[in-house]
Amino acid sequence: MNPIALLLVILGYGLALPIGTKMLTVVRTQNRLAFTGHQVGVLIATLGWVVAGRGLLVWPHLLWLLIASIWFNWAVRPPV
C-alpha cells in the first residue's frame, strides 16, 4: 500500500470508528455533526482503498454509507 493510501485509511478510520461505536446514540439523539463526521471518515477511508487499488474493499464501505444514511434519516425522532 502506498503512503498516501495508508494515510487516508488511517485518518478515515480514526475519524469514523470512534463515532461508529456510538452510532446508536448518534441516531437516537439525531446528532448531525457526529453523523456527518462519521460519514466523512468513511469516505476518506474509502478513498484510501481506491488509491490503494483495493476495489473489493470499496463496496462494503459504500454500502455502509447508504445503510447508515437510511438509518439516520428514517429513525424515529425523539420527543421534543
Protein backbone atom coordinates (compact mmCIF):
# COMPACT_ATOMS: atom_id res chain seq x y z
CA MET A 1 0.00 0.00 0.00
CA ASN A 2 1.41 3.37 -0.90
CA PRO A 3 1.92 6.01 1.82
CA ILE A 4 -0.91 8.29 0.68
CA ALA A 5 -3.42 5.44 0.67
CA LEU A 6 -2.22 4.33 4.09
CA LEU A 7 -2.55 7.87 5.46
CA LEU A 8 -6.09 8.19 4.08
CA VAL A 9 -7.17 4.85 5.53
CA ILE A 10 -5.71 5.62 8.97
CA LEU A 11 -7.19 9.13 9.01
CA GLY A 12 -10.59 7.94 7.81
CA TYR A 13 -10.88 5.08 10.27
CA GLY A 14 -9.53 7.30 13.04
CA LEU A 15 -12.45 9.63 12.48
CA ALA A 16 -15.18 7.10 11.66
CA LEU A 17 -14.62 4.29 14.17
CA PRO A 18 -14.98 6.23 17.45
CA ILE A 19 -18.24 7.74 16.21
CA GLY A 20 -19.36 4.45 14.68
CA THR A 21 -19.10 2.69 18.03
CA LYS A 22 -21.67 5.18 19.35
CA MET A 23 -23.87 5.15 16.25
CA LEU A 24 -26.97 4.06 18.15
CA THR A 25 -26.68 7.13 20.39
CA VAL A 26 -25.93 9.37 17.40
CA VAL A 27 -29.08 8.16 15.65
CA ARG A 28 -31.26 8.38 18.76
CA THR A 29 -30.19 11.95 19.50
CA GLN A 30 -30.11 12.91 15.80
CA ASN A 31 -26.63 14.38 16.26
CA ARG A 32 -26.00 15.65 12.73
CA LEU A 33 -22.46 16.84 13.43
CA ALA A 34 -21.34 13.42 14.69
CA PHE A 35 -23.15 11.66 11.85
CA THR A 36 -21.51 13.92 9.27
CA GLY A 37 -18.11 13.30 10.87
CA HIS A 38 -18.68 9.56 10.66
CA GLN A 39 -19.73 9.73 7.02
CA VAL A 40 -16.74 11.91 6.10
CA GLY A 41 -14.42 9.49 7.90
CA VAL A 42 -15.83 6.53 5.99
CA LEU A 43 -15.49 8.44 2.73
CA ILE A 44 -11.84 9.26 3.49
CA ALA A 45 -11.11 5.61 4.30
CA THR A 46 -12.90 4.57 1.11
CA LEU A 47 -10.78 6.99 -0.88
CA GLY A 48 -7.72 5.41 0.69
CA TRP A 49 -8.81 1.98 -0.53
CA VAL A 50 -9.47 3.41 -4.00
CA VAL A 51 -5.98 4.94 -4.12
CA ALA A 52 -4.54 1.61 -2.95
CA GLY A 53 -6.34 -0.15 -5.80
CA ARG A 54 -8.39 -2.40 -3.48
CA GLY A 55 -11.76 -2.15 -5.22
CA LEU A 56 -13.32 -5.04 -3.32
CA LEU A 57 -12.93 -3.09 -0.07
CA VAL A 58 -14.66 -0.03 -1.51
CA TRP A 59 -18.09 -1.64 -1.94
CA PRO A 60 -18.75 -2.59 1.71
CA HIS A 61 -17.85 0.96 2.74
CA LEU A 62 -20.22 2.48 0.20
CA LEU A 63 -22.95 0.07 1.26
CA TRP A 64 -22.43 1.07 4.90
CA LEU A 65 -22.70 4.76 3.94
CA LEU A 66 -26.07 4.04 2.34
CA ILE A 67 -27.34 1.92 5.24
CA ALA A 68 -26.21 4.47 7.84
CA SER A 69 -27.86 7.32 5.92
CA ILE A 70 -31.16 5.47 5.67
CA TRP A 71 -30.98 4.52 9.35
CA PHE A 72 -30.21 8.09 10.45
CA ASN A 73 -32.82 9.77 8.26
CA TRP A 74 -35.66 7.31 8.88
CA ALA A 75 -35.10 6.83 12.60
CA VAL A 76 -37.90 7.72 14.98
CA ARG A 77 -37.34 11.25 16.18
CA PRO A 78 -37.14 11.69 19.97
CA PRO A 79 -39.98 13.66 21.60
CA VAL A 80 -39.31 17.38 21.87
